[in-house]
Amino acid sequence: MRIFFSAFTLTGLFASVLVHLLTFLGISAAEYVPWVWVLHLGIFVAIIPLIGMRDELTAAPPWARTVVAIAAVYAVVNFLLFLLLVRGGSPGVVDGKYVLSSHGHVIRELSEQEYHRQQACVLRGFSGHWMIFYLSPALYWWYRKD
């Protein structure tokens, strides 16, 4: 079980980091690989075995706890920036036009380039959290003493 979860969480971590880094190049991996959203469901598979466990990182070296703390701060800052960048809307296509909309209300029309940039921004908002939700369990399973 330890090997499965260790491999699963490390794979999820590396995939989410790659997806996240691509967004800084304006590339939304979801446009090319739609199943990338499975990473969102994978965080629950990664976290559920840790529910009820206290101090899951106590077996990890001090540097690992520092890395998790830094990653958590990054996830929060990344999410706040994401909220600022999307301006309360999400990119979509309505009547063949690229738009930024919120709850069915079109905020404004987007150029194709803006649409792709907004798609990448949305993915960056999610992938920033994916990284922390894979990192913590990955370290737990890696350093766990069976």
C-alpha atoms as a PDB file:
ATOM      1  CA  MET A   1       0.000   0.000   0.000  1.00  0.00           C
ATOM      2  CA  ARG A   2       2.849   2.383   0.840  1.00  0.00           C
ATOM      3  CA  ILE A   3       4.472   1.833  -2.567  1.00  0.00           C
ATOM      4  CA  PHE A   4       1.180   2.397  -4.430  1.00  0.00           C
ATOM      5  CA  PHE A   5       0.386   5.654  -2.620  1.00  0.00           C
ATOM      6  CA  SER A   6       3.980   6.828  -2.839  1.00  0.00           C
ATOM      7  CA  ALA A   7       4.024   6.289  -6.620  1.00  0.00           C
ATOM      8  CA  PHE A   8       0.511   7.716  -7.022  1.00  0.00           C
ATOM      9  CA  THR A   9       1.235  10.917  -5.106  1.00  0.00           C
ATOM     10  CA  LEU A  10       4.645  11.464  -6.698  1.00  0.00           C
ATOM     11  CA  THR A  11       3.120  11.036 -10.165  1.00  0.00           C
ATOM     12  CA  GLY A  12       0.339  13.471  -9.278  1.00  0.00           C
ATOM     13  CA  LEU A  13       2.857  15.934  -7.884  1.00  0.00           C
ATOM     14  CA  PHE A  14       5.086  15.871 -10.972  1.00  0.00           C
ATOM     15  CA  ALA A  15       2.089  16.108 -13.320  1.00  0.00           C
ATOM     16  CA  SER A  16       0.584  19.042 -11.413  1.00  0.00           C
ATOM     17  CA  VAL A  17       3.936  20.877 -11.339  1.00  0.00           C
ATOM     18  CA  LEU A  18       4.286  20.382 -15.105  1.00  0.00           C
ATOM     19  CA  VAL A  19       0.734  21.600 -15.736  1.00  0.00           C
ATOM     20  CA  HIS A  20       1.359  24.585 -13.461  1.00  0.00           C
ATOM     21  CA  LEU A  21       4.629  25.544 -15.158  1.00  0.00           C
ATOM     22  CA  LEU A  22       3.047  25.326 -18.615  1.00  0.00           C
ATOM     23  CA  THR A  23       0.476  27.940 -17.598  1.00  0.00           C
ATOM     24  CA  PHE A  24       3.273  30.499 -17.207  1.00  0.00           C
ATOM     25  CA  LEU A  25       3.970  29.993 -20.899  1.00  0.00           C
ATOM     26  CA  GLY A  26       0.299  30.691 -21.612  1.00  0.00           C
ATOM     27  CA  ILE A  27      -0.379  27.014 -22.295  1.00  0.00           C
ATOM     28  CA  SER A  28      -3.435  25.368 -20.812  1.00  0.00           C
ATOM     29  CA  ALA A  29      -2.628  21.661 -20.789  1.00  0.00           C
ATOM     30  CA  ALA A  30      -6.376  20.976 -20.526  1.00  0.00           C
ATOM     31  CA  GLU A  31      -6.853  22.235 -24.080  1.00  0.00           C
ATOM     32  CA  TYR A  32      -4.501  19.534 -25.361  1.00  0.00           C
ATOM     33  CA  VAL A  33      -5.013  16.820 -22.752  1.00  0.00           C
ATOM     34  CA  PRO A  34      -8.574  17.128 -21.352  1.00  0.00           C
ATOM     35  CA  TRP A  35      -8.033  14.292 -18.875  1.00  0.00           C
ATOM     36  CA  VAL A  36      -5.624  16.557 -16.973  1.00  0.00           C
ATOM     37  CA  TRP A  37      -8.651  17.423 -14.805  1.00  0.00           C
ATOM     38  CA  VAL A  38      -8.381  13.904 -13.370  1.00  0.00           C
ATOM     39  CA  LEU A  39      -5.607  15.404 -11.241  1.00  0.00           C
ATOM     40  CA  HIS A  40      -8.357  17.277  -9.410  1.00  0.00           C
ATOM     41  CA  LEU A  41     -10.030  14.010  -8.431  1.00  0.00           C
ATOM     42  CA  GLY A  42      -6.671  12.418  -7.654  1.00  0.00           C
ATOM     43  CA  ILE A  43      -6.039  14.787  -4.766  1.00  0.00           C
ATOM     44  CA  PHE A  44      -8.895  13.124  -2.897  1.00  0.00           C
ATOM     45  CA  VAL A  45      -7.385   9.688  -3.482  1.00  0.00           C
ATOM     46  CA  ALA A  46      -4.106  11.099  -2.168  1.00  0.00           C
ATOM     47  CA  ILE A  47      -5.569  12.816   0.910  1.00  0.00           C
ATOM     48  CA  ILE A  48      -8.269  10.366   2.077  1.00  0.00           C
ATOM     49  CA  PRO A  49      -5.830   7.806   3.548  1.00  0.00           C
ATOM     50  CA  LEU A  50      -4.369  10.587   5.708  1.00  0.00           C
ATOM     51  CA  ILE A  51      -7.674  11.664   7.271  1.00  0.00           C
ATOM     52  CA  GLY A  52      -7.554  11.193  10.999  1.00  0.00           C
ATOM     53  CA  MET A  53      -3.779  10.887  11.089  1.00  0.00           C
ATOM     54  CA  ARG A  54      -2.131  13.495  13.262  1.00  0.00           C
ATOM     55  CA  ASP A  55       1.238  14.970  12.472  1.00  0.00           C
ATOM     56  CA  GLU A  56       1.575  13.056   9.218  1.00  0.00           C
ATOM     57  CA  LEU A  57       4.880  14.726   8.455  1.00  0.00           C
ATOM     58  CA  THR A  58       6.591  13.901  11.763  1.00  0.00           C
ATOM     59  CA  ALA A  59       8.546  11.113  10.065  1.00  0.00           C
ATOM     60  CA  ALA A  60       9.779  13.523   7.390  1.00  0.00           C
ATOM     61  CA  PRO A  61      12.975  15.510   7.861  1.00  0.00           C
ATOM     62  CA  PRO A  62      12.682  19.178   8.913  1.00  0.00           C
ATOM     63  CA  TRP A  63      13.426  20.421   5.392  1.00  0.00           C
ATOM     64  CA  ALA A  64      10.305  18.598   4.149  1.00  0.00           C
ATOM     65  CA  ARG A  65       8.072  20.413   6.635  1.00  0.00           C
ATOM     66  CA  THR A  66       9.615  23.704   5.493  1.00  0.00           C
ATOM     67  CA  VAL A  67       8.944  22.830   1.857  1.00  0.00           C
ATOM     68  CA  VAL A  68       5.306  22.014   2.671  1.00  0.00           C
ATOM     69  CA  ALA A  69       4.917  25.333   4.523  1.00  0.00           C
ATOM     70  CA  ILE A  70       6.415  27.275   1.607  1.00  0.00           C
ATOM     71  CA  ALA A  71       4.216  25.381  -0.863  1.00  0.00           C
ATOM     72  CA  ALA A  72       1.120  26.149   1.241  1.00  0.00           C
ATOM     73  CA  VAL A  73       1.937  29.862   1.268  1.00  0.00           C
ATOM     74  CA  TYR A  74       2.543  29.716  -2.486  1.00  0.00           C
ATOM     75  CA  ALA A  75      -0.832  27.989  -3.006  1.00  0.00           C
ATOM     76  CA  VAL A  76      -2.644  30.749  -1.110  1.00  0.00           C
ATOM     77  CA  VAL A  77      -0.813  33.576  -2.921  1.00  0.00           C
ATOM     78  CA  ASN A  78      -1.336  31.821  -6.266  1.00  0.00           C
ATOM     79  CA  PHE A  79      -5.062  31.484  -5.567  1.00  0.00           C
ATOM     80  CA  LEU A  80      -5.400  35.167  -4.618  1.00  0.00           C
ATOM     81  CA  LEU A  81      -3.597  36.185  -7.819  1.00  0.00           C
ATOM     82  CA  PHE A  82      -5.842  33.820  -9.764  1.00  0.00           C
ATOM     83  CA  LEU A  83      -8.924  35.571  -8.354  1.00  0.00           C
ATOM     84  CA  LEU A  84      -7.521  38.944  -9.403  1.00  0.00           C
ATOM     85  CA  LEU A  85      -6.610  37.784 -12.904  1.00  0.00           C
ATOM     86  CA  VAL A  86      -9.926  36.132 -13.773  1.00  0.00           C
ATOM     87  CA  ARG A  87     -11.851  39.155 -12.498  1.00  0.00           C
ATOM     88  CA  GLY A  88     -14.700  37.032 -11.166  1.00  0.00           C
ATOM     89  CA  GLY A  89     -15.368  35.266 -14.433  1.00  0.00           C
ATOM     90  CA  SER A  90     -14.480  32.180 -16.368  1.00  0.00           C
ATOM     91  CA  PRO A  91     -13.569  31.916 -20.038  1.00  0.00           C
ATOM     92  CA  GLY A  92     -15.997  30.228 -22.364  1.00  0.00           C
ATOM     93  CA  VAL A  93     -17.506  30.216 -25.826  1.00  0.00           C
ATOM     94  CA  VAL A  94     -21.003  31.673 -26.291  1.00  0.00           C
ATOM     95  CA  ASP A  95     -22.585  31.859 -29.747  1.00  0.00           C
ATOM     96  CA  GLY A  96     -19.199  31.176 -31.301  1.00  0.00           C
ATOM     97  CA  LYS A  97     -17.542  34.079 -29.482  1.00  0.00           C
ATOM     98  CA  TYR A  98     -14.885  33.906 -26.804  1.00  0.00           C
ATOM     99  CA  VAL A  99     -16.199  35.493 -23.619  1.00  0.00           C
ATOM    100  CA  LEU A 100     -15.490  35.971 -19.957  1.00  0.00           C
ATOM    101  CA  SER A 101     -18.674  35.146 -18.076  1.00  0.00           C
ATOM    102  CA  SER A 102     -19.954  34.733 -14.570  1.00  0.00           C
ATOM    103  CA  HIS A 103     -23.034  32.681 -13.722  1.00  0.00           C
ATOM    104  CA  GLY A 104     -24.362  32.897 -17.290  1.00  0.00           C
ATOM    105  CA  HIS A 105     -23.798  36.659 -17.550  1.00  0.00           C
ATOM    106  CA  VAL A 106     -21.237  37.745 -20.144  1.00  0.00           C
ATOM    107  CA  ILE A 107     -18.771  40.156 -18.562  1.00  0.00           C
ATOM    108  CA  ARG A 108     -16.950  40.925 -21.792  1.00  0.00           C
ATOM    109  CA  GLU A 109     -15.864  39.473 -25.104  1.00  0.00           C
ATOM    110  CA  LEU A 110     -12.317  38.103 -25.371  1.00  0.00           C
ATOM    111  CA  SER A 111      -9.897  37.789 -28.241  1.00  0.00           C
ATOM    112  CA  GLU A 112      -8.774  34.256 -29.002  1.00  0.00           C
ATOM    113  CA  GLN A 113      -5.410  35.005 -27.391  1.00  0.00           C
ATOM    114  CA  GLU A 114      -7.072  36.398 -24.237  1.00  0.00           C
ATOM    115  CA  TYR A 115      -9.341  33.348 -24.106  1.00  0.00           C
ATOM    116  CA  HIS A 116      -6.384  30.943 -24.133  1.00  0.00           C
ATOM    117  CA  ARG A 117      -4.539  33.061 -21.587  1.00  0.00           C
ATOM    118  CA  GLN A 118      -7.610  33.012 -19.308  1.00  0.00           C
ATOM    119  CA  GLN A 119      -7.909  29.223 -19.749  1.00  0.00           C
ATOM    120  CA  ALA A 120      -4.287  28.884 -18.633  1.00  0.00           C
ATOM    121  CA  CYS A 121      -4.973  31.183 -15.690  1.00  0.00           C
ATOM    122  CA  VAL A 122      -7.883  29.023 -14.510  1.00  0.00           C
ATOM    123  CA  LEU A 123      -5.728  25.922 -14.736  1.00  0.00           C
ATOM    124  CA  ARG A 124      -2.962  27.716 -12.808  1.00  0.00           C
ATOM    125  CA  GLY A 125      -5.444  28.471 -10.027  1.00  0.00           C
ATOM    126  CA  PHE A 126      -6.313  24.798  -9.694  1.00  0.00           C
ATOM    127  CA  SER A 127      -2.865  23.338 -10.244  1.00  0.00           C
ATOM    128  CA  GLY A 128      -1.397  25.527  -7.503  1.00  0.00           C
ATOM    129  CA  HIS A 129      -3.591  23.665  -5.040  1.00  0.00           C
ATOM    130  CA  TRP A 130      -3.018  20.299  -6.674  1.00  0.00           C
ATOM    131  CA  MET A 131       0.692  20.635  -5.977  1.00  0.00           C
ATOM    132  CA  ILE A 132       0.246  21.064  -2.208  1.00  0.00           C
ATOM    133  CA  PHE A 133      -2.380  18.310  -2.015  1.00  0.00           C
ATOM    134  CA  TYR A 134       0.008  15.888  -3.713  1.00  0.00           C
ATOM    135  CA  LEU A 135       3.182  17.120  -2.014  1.00  0.00           C
ATOM    136  CA  SER A 136       2.115  16.512   1.592  1.00  0.00           C
ATOM    137  CA  PRO A 137       0.938  12.916   1.058  1.00  0.00           C
ATOM    138  CA  ALA A 138       3.937  12.196  -1.189  1.00  0.00           C
ATOM    139  CA  LEU A 139       6.288  13.180   1.615  1.00  0.00           C
ATOM    140  CA  TYR A 140       4.246  11.230   4.145  1.00  0.00           C
ATOM    141  CA  TRP A 141       4.330   8.005   2.106  1.00  0.00           C
ATOM    142  CA  TRP A 142       7.971   8.481   1.120  1.00  0.00           C
ATOM    143  CA  TYR A 143       9.194   8.893   4.695  1.00  0.00           C
ATOM    144  CA  ARG A 144       6.687   6.634   6.431  1.00  0.00           C
ATOM    145  CA  LYS A 145       8.228   3.850   8.453  1.00  0.00           C
ATOM    146  CA  ASP A 146       6.307   0.595   8.017  1.00  0.00           C
END
